[in-house]
């Protein structure tokens, strides 16, 4: 999204978006630490990074939508995730 698109948004919109990202990031960070310590995974090991990449990244998207719903920005984040997924999988459709 270019800066021109952001110019039309109200400051409240931007604050809510930042709050959604902040809450999601903190939740996933705490969840990752809890899962790693509960399962006995040593910090910064290969298993730890695999947990983050393959376990927590998909969960991040779900938690992002949950917080977006709570803050009233569900439609905005769902559209962003849909466009991102289409860009990532665009090479499959060619």
N, C-alpha and C. Protein backbone atom coordinates (compact mmCIF):
# COMPACT_ATOMS: atom_id res chain seq x y z
N UNK A 1 0.85 -1.17 0.00
CA UNK A 1 0.00 0.00 0.00
C UNK A 1 0.90 1.23 0.00
N UNK A 2 0.64 2.13 -0.89
CA UNK A 2 1.46 3.32 -0.99
C UNK A 2 1.07 4.34 0.08
N UNK A 3 1.91 5.32 0.24
CA UNK A 3 1.66 6.35 1.23
C UNK A 3 0.39 7.13 0.90
N UNK A 4 0.07 7.32 -0.37
CA UNK A 4 -1.14 8.04 -0.75
C UNK A 4 -2.39 7.36 -0.23
N UNK A 5 -2.39 6.05 -0.20
CA UNK A 5 -3.54 5.32 0.32
C UNK A 5 -3.67 5.54 1.83
N UNK A 6 -2.54 5.67 2.51
CA UNK A 6 -2.58 5.90 3.96
C UNK A 6 -3.03 7.32 4.29
N UNK A 7 -2.82 8.25 3.40
CA UNK A 7 -3.15 9.64 3.68
C UNK A 7 -4.65 9.84 3.91
N UNK A 8 -5.47 9.02 3.28
CA UNK A 8 -6.91 9.15 3.41
C UNK A 8 -7.45 8.53 4.70
N UNK A 9 -6.62 7.76 5.39
CA UNK A 9 -7.07 7.07 6.60
C UNK A 9 -7.02 8.02 7.79
N UNK A 10 -7.91 7.79 8.72
CA UNK A 10 -7.92 8.57 9.95
C UNK A 10 -6.84 8.04 10.88
N UNK A 11 -6.32 8.89 11.77
CA UNK A 11 -5.30 8.44 12.71
C UNK A 11 -5.76 7.27 13.59
N UNK A 12 -7.05 7.22 13.88
CA UNK A 12 -7.58 6.11 14.69
C UNK A 12 -7.39 4.79 13.96
N UNK A 13 -7.57 4.79 12.65
CA UNK A 13 -7.37 3.59 11.83
C UNK A 13 -5.94 3.09 11.97
N UNK A 14 -4.99 4.01 11.87
CA UNK A 14 -3.59 3.63 11.97
C UNK A 14 -3.23 3.12 13.36
N UNK A 15 -3.77 3.75 14.38
CA UNK A 15 -3.50 3.30 15.75
C UNK A 15 -4.07 1.91 15.98
N UNK A 16 -5.25 1.65 15.48
CA UNK A 16 -5.84 0.32 15.64
C UNK A 16 -5.04 -0.75 14.91
N UNK A 17 -4.55 -0.43 13.72
CA UNK A 17 -3.71 -1.38 12.98
C UNK A 17 -2.45 -1.69 13.77
N UNK A 18 -1.81 -0.66 14.30
CA UNK A 18 -0.60 -0.88 15.09
C UNK A 18 -0.89 -1.67 16.36
N UNK A 19 -2.03 -1.43 16.98
CA UNK A 19 -2.42 -2.21 18.16
C UNK A 19 -2.63 -3.68 17.84
N UNK A 20 -3.24 -3.94 16.70
CA UNK A 20 -3.44 -5.34 16.29
C UNK A 20 -2.10 -6.03 16.10
N UNK A 21 -1.18 -5.37 15.39
CA UNK A 21 0.14 -5.97 15.18
C UNK A 21 0.90 -6.15 16.50
N UNK A 22 0.80 -5.18 17.39
CA UNK A 22 1.49 -5.27 18.67
C UNK A 22 0.96 -6.42 19.51
N UNK A 23 -0.34 -6.50 19.65
CA UNK A 23 -0.94 -7.57 20.45
C UNK A 23 -0.65 -8.95 19.86
N UNK A 24 -0.71 -9.05 18.56
CA UNK A 24 -0.43 -10.32 17.89
C UNK A 24 1.02 -10.74 18.11
N UNK A 25 1.94 -9.82 17.92
CA UNK A 25 3.35 -10.12 18.10
C UNK A 25 3.69 -10.55 19.52
N UNK A 26 3.14 -9.83 20.49
CA UNK A 26 3.39 -10.19 21.89
C UNK A 26 2.79 -11.55 22.23
N UNK A 27 1.61 -11.82 21.74
CA UNK A 27 0.97 -13.10 22.02
C UNK A 27 1.75 -14.25 21.41
N UNK A 28 2.18 -14.12 20.18
CA UNK A 28 2.91 -15.20 19.53
C UNK A 28 4.28 -15.39 20.18
N UNK A 29 4.93 -14.31 20.57
CA UNK A 29 6.23 -14.42 21.24
C UNK A 29 6.08 -15.18 22.57
N UNK A 30 5.09 -14.82 23.35
CA UNK A 30 4.85 -15.51 24.63
C UNK A 30 4.46 -16.96 24.40
N UNK A 31 3.62 -17.19 23.42
CA UNK A 31 3.19 -18.55 23.11
C UNK A 31 4.37 -19.41 22.66
N UNK A 32 5.25 -18.86 21.84
CA UNK A 32 6.42 -19.59 21.38
C UNK A 32 7.36 -19.95 22.51
N UNK A 33 7.60 -19.00 23.41
CA UNK A 33 8.45 -19.28 24.57
C UNK A 33 7.83 -20.34 25.45
N UNK A 34 6.52 -20.24 25.66
CA UNK A 34 5.83 -21.22 26.50
C UNK A 34 5.88 -22.62 25.88
N UNK A 35 5.61 -22.72 24.60
CA UNK A 35 5.63 -24.02 23.93
C UNK A 35 7.04 -24.62 23.95
N UNK A 36 8.05 -23.79 23.69
CA UNK A 36 9.43 -24.28 23.68
C UNK A 36 9.85 -24.78 25.05
N UNK A 37 9.52 -24.04 26.09
CA UNK A 37 9.92 -24.47 27.43
C UNK A 37 9.11 -25.68 27.89
N UNK A 38 7.84 -25.74 27.53
CA UNK A 38 7.00 -26.87 27.93
C UNK A 38 7.43 -28.16 27.24
N UNK A 39 7.93 -28.05 26.02
CA UNK A 39 8.34 -29.25 25.30
C UNK A 39 9.83 -29.55 25.46
N UNK A 40 10.54 -28.70 26.18
CA UNK A 40 11.94 -28.95 26.46
C UNK A 40 12.87 -28.62 25.31
N UNK A 41 12.43 -27.79 24.39
CA UNK A 41 13.26 -27.41 23.27
C UNK A 41 14.25 -26.35 23.72
N UNK A 42 15.52 -26.57 23.42
CA UNK A 42 16.56 -25.63 23.80
C UNK A 42 16.46 -24.37 22.94
N UNK A 43 16.64 -23.24 23.58
CA UNK A 43 16.50 -21.97 22.86
C UNK A 43 17.56 -21.81 21.79
N UNK A 44 17.16 -21.33 20.63
CA UNK A 44 18.00 -21.07 19.46
C UNK A 44 18.63 -22.33 18.88
N UNK A 45 17.99 -23.46 19.09
CA UNK A 45 18.43 -24.69 18.43
C UNK A 45 17.68 -24.83 17.11
N UNK A 46 18.03 -25.84 16.35
CA UNK A 46 17.33 -26.08 15.07
C UNK A 46 15.85 -26.36 15.33
N UNK A 47 15.55 -27.16 16.33
CA UNK A 47 14.16 -27.48 16.65
C UNK A 47 13.38 -26.22 17.04
N UNK A 48 14.05 -25.32 17.73
CA UNK A 48 13.42 -24.06 18.15
C UNK A 48 13.01 -23.24 16.92
N UNK A 49 13.92 -23.12 15.95
CA UNK A 49 13.62 -22.34 14.76
C UNK A 49 12.58 -23.02 13.88
N UNK A 50 12.62 -24.34 13.83
CA UNK A 50 11.59 -25.05 13.07
C UNK A 50 10.21 -24.86 13.70
N UNK A 51 10.18 -24.84 15.04
CA UNK A 51 8.92 -24.56 15.75
C UNK A 51 8.40 -23.19 15.36
N UNK A 52 9.27 -22.19 15.33
CA UNK A 52 8.85 -20.83 15.00
C UNK A 52 8.37 -20.74 13.56
N UNK A 53 9.11 -21.34 12.64
CA UNK A 53 8.78 -21.18 11.23
C UNK A 53 7.54 -21.98 10.84
N UNK A 54 7.50 -23.25 11.21
CA UNK A 54 6.41 -24.10 10.75
C UNK A 54 5.25 -24.19 11.73
N UNK A 55 5.49 -23.88 12.99
CA UNK A 55 4.43 -23.98 13.98
C UNK A 55 3.75 -22.67 14.28
N UNK A 56 4.54 -21.63 14.45
CA UNK A 56 3.97 -20.37 14.92
C UNK A 56 3.58 -19.40 13.81
N UNK A 57 4.20 -19.49 12.66
CA UNK A 57 3.80 -18.58 11.58
C UNK A 57 2.36 -18.81 11.12
N UNK A 58 1.91 -20.05 10.96
CA UNK A 58 0.49 -20.22 10.63
C UNK A 58 -0.44 -19.77 11.77
N UNK A 59 0.00 -20.01 13.00
CA UNK A 59 -0.80 -19.58 14.15
C UNK A 59 -0.85 -18.05 14.21
N UNK A 60 0.24 -17.40 13.82
CA UNK A 60 0.29 -15.94 13.81
C UNK A 60 -0.86 -15.36 12.98
N UNK A 61 -1.10 -15.93 11.81
CA UNK A 61 -2.16 -15.41 10.94
C UNK A 61 -3.54 -15.57 11.57
N UNK A 62 -3.75 -16.67 12.27
CA UNK A 62 -5.04 -16.88 12.94
C UNK A 62 -5.21 -15.89 14.08
N UNK A 63 -4.15 -15.73 14.89
CA UNK A 63 -4.22 -14.81 16.03
C UNK A 63 -4.38 -13.36 15.52
N UNK A 64 -3.74 -13.05 14.40
CA UNK A 64 -3.87 -11.71 13.82
C UNK A 64 -5.33 -11.42 13.49
N UNK A 65 -6.02 -12.39 12.90
CA UNK A 65 -7.43 -12.18 12.57
C UNK A 65 -8.31 -12.10 13.81
N UNK A 66 -7.94 -12.83 14.85
CA UNK A 66 -8.71 -12.77 16.11
C UNK A 66 -8.60 -11.38 16.71
N UNK A 67 -7.37 -10.86 16.80
CA UNK A 67 -7.20 -9.50 17.34
C UNK A 67 -7.83 -8.46 16.42
N UNK A 68 -7.73 -8.66 15.12
CA UNK A 68 -8.34 -7.72 14.18
C UNK A 68 -9.86 -7.67 14.39
N UNK A 69 -10.45 -8.82 14.64
CA UNK A 69 -11.88 -8.86 14.92
C UNK A 69 -12.20 -8.10 16.21
N UNK A 70 -11.38 -8.30 17.23
CA UNK A 70 -11.60 -7.63 18.52
C UNK A 70 -11.49 -6.11 18.40
N UNK A 71 -10.59 -5.64 17.55
CA UNK A 71 -10.39 -4.20 17.37
C UNK A 71 -11.21 -3.61 16.23
N UNK A 72 -12.03 -4.43 15.58
CA UNK A 72 -12.91 -3.93 14.53
C UNK A 72 -12.24 -3.75 13.17
N UNK A 73 -11.13 -4.42 12.94
CA UNK A 73 -10.40 -4.29 11.68
C UNK A 73 -10.28 -5.63 10.95
N UNK A 74 -11.25 -6.50 11.17
CA UNK A 74 -11.21 -7.83 10.58
C UNK A 74 -11.18 -7.78 9.06
N UNK A 75 -12.06 -7.00 8.47
CA UNK A 75 -12.16 -6.91 7.01
C UNK A 75 -10.83 -6.43 6.41
N UNK A 76 -10.23 -5.44 7.02
CA UNK A 76 -8.97 -4.88 6.54
C UNK A 76 -7.87 -5.96 6.53
N UNK A 77 -7.70 -6.66 7.64
CA UNK A 77 -6.64 -7.66 7.74
C UNK A 77 -6.94 -8.90 6.91
N UNK A 78 -8.19 -9.28 6.81
CA UNK A 78 -8.53 -10.43 5.97
C UNK A 78 -8.21 -10.14 4.51
N UNK A 79 -8.53 -8.94 4.06
CA UNK A 79 -8.21 -8.56 2.68
C UNK A 79 -6.69 -8.52 2.46
N UNK A 80 -5.95 -8.01 3.44
CA UNK A 80 -4.49 -7.97 3.33
C UNK A 80 -3.92 -9.38 3.25
N UNK A 81 -4.41 -10.27 4.11
CA UNK A 81 -3.91 -11.64 4.09
C UNK A 81 -4.28 -12.34 2.79
N UNK A 82 -5.44 -12.09 2.28
CA UNK A 82 -5.87 -12.71 1.02
C UNK A 82 -4.99 -12.24 -0.14
N UNK A 83 -4.71 -10.94 -0.20
CA UNK A 83 -3.84 -10.41 -1.26
C UNK A 83 -2.42 -10.94 -1.13
N UNK A 84 -1.92 -11.04 0.09
CA UNK A 84 -0.57 -11.58 0.31
C UNK A 84 -0.51 -13.03 -0.12
N UNK A 85 -1.50 -13.81 0.24
CA UNK A 85 -1.53 -15.23 -0.15
C UNK A 85 -1.60 -15.38 -1.67
N UNK A 86 -2.36 -14.52 -2.32
CA UNK A 86 -2.46 -14.58 -3.79
C UNK A 86 -1.12 -14.24 -4.44
N UNK A 87 -0.39 -13.29 -3.87
CA UNK A 87 0.92 -12.95 -4.41
C UNK A 87 1.91 -14.09 -4.19
N UNK A 88 1.85 -14.73 -3.02
CA UNK A 88 2.77 -15.82 -2.72
C UNK A 88 2.49 -17.04 -3.58
N UNK A 89 1.24 -17.29 -3.90
CA UNK A 89 0.89 -18.48 -4.68
C UNK A 89 0.64 -18.17 -6.15
N UNK A 90 0.93 -16.97 -6.58
CA UNK A 90 0.68 -16.58 -7.96
C UNK A 90 1.44 -17.41 -8.96
N UNK A 91 2.64 -17.87 -8.62
CA UNK A 91 3.43 -18.67 -9.54
C UNK A 91 2.80 -20.04 -9.76
N UNK A 92 1.95 -20.51 -8.85
CA UNK A 92 1.28 -21.80 -9.03
C UNK A 92 0.21 -21.74 -10.10
N UNK A 93 -0.39 -20.57 -10.28
CA UNK A 93 -1.48 -20.42 -11.24
C UNK A 93 -0.99 -20.21 -12.66
N UNK A 94 0.29 -19.96 -12.84
CA UNK A 94 0.81 -19.70 -14.19
C UNK A 94 1.09 -20.99 -14.93
